Protein backbone atom coordinates (compact mmCIF):
# COMPACT_ATOMS: atom_id res chain seq x y z
CA MET A 1 0.00 0.00 0.00
CA ALA A 2 1.29 3.41 -0.91
CA GLU A 3 1.98 5.85 1.86
CA LEU A 4 -0.85 8.34 2.06
CA LEU A 5 0.89 10.61 4.50
CA ASP A 6 4.33 11.33 3.16
CA ARG A 7 6.46 14.16 4.52
CA ASP A 8 5.22 16.69 2.00
CA LEU A 9 1.55 16.04 2.81
CA TYR A 10 2.34 16.10 6.54
CA ARG A 11 3.85 19.56 6.19
CA LYS A 12 0.87 20.77 4.15
CA THR A 13 -1.61 19.52 6.76
CA LYS A 14 0.15 21.52 9.44
CA ARG A 15 -0.63 24.69 7.49
CA MET A 16 -4.19 23.83 6.45
CA ASP A 17 -7.23 25.75 7.58
CA ARG A 18 -10.40 23.95 8.59
CA ASN A 19 -11.95 23.86 5.10
CA ALA A 20 -8.82 22.44 3.51
CA MET A 21 -8.51 19.78 6.23
CA GLU A 22 -12.18 18.80 5.86
CA SER A 23 -11.68 18.46 2.09
CA LEU A 24 -8.64 16.24 2.60
CA ILE A 25 -10.47 14.03 5.09
CA GLN A 26 -13.44 13.77 2.71
CA GLU A 27 -11.09 12.78 -0.11
CA PHE A 28 -9.54 10.02 2.04
CA TYR A 29 -13.02 8.82 3.02
CA ASN A 30 -14.15 8.73 -0.62
CA MET A 31 -11.04 6.74 -1.60
CA GLY A 32 -11.87 4.16 1.09
CA ALA A 33 -15.56 4.04 0.23
CA ALA A 34 -14.77 3.50 -3.45
CA SER A 35 -12.55 0.55 -2.62
CA VAL A 36 -15.26 -1.35 -0.70
CA GLU A 37 -17.52 -3.82 -2.43
CA LEU A 38 -21.06 -2.85 -1.42
CA GLU A 39 -22.97 -5.81 -2.82
CA VAL A 40 -24.02 -8.33 -0.15
CA ASP A 41 -25.54 -11.72 -0.89
CA ALA A 42 -28.05 -11.99 1.97
CA ASP A 43 -28.81 -15.69 1.36
CA ARG A 44 -25.10 -16.59 1.43
CA LEU A 45 -24.67 -14.52 4.57
CA ARG A 46 -27.52 -16.39 6.30
CA GLN A 47 -26.00 -19.74 5.30
CA ASP A 48 -22.58 -18.75 6.60
CA ILE A 49 -23.99 -17.50 9.89
CA GLY A 50 -26.12 -20.62 10.29
CA ALA A 51 -23.16 -22.87 9.57
CA SER A 52 -21.01 -21.18 12.19
CA ARG A 53 -23.40 -21.78 15.11
CA VAL A 54 -22.07 -24.00 17.83
């Protein structure tokens, strides 16, 4: 995984105002949200949960 917080970005964050910091945090959130698979197979999930009961 690439470093998200390299020295240059660290220095920039120290000088950011609130709006710039919120934009950066939103950008990081969007990157994470885009990398998540949102489709869930509910039937498969039920089977897996049922199979794991003790």
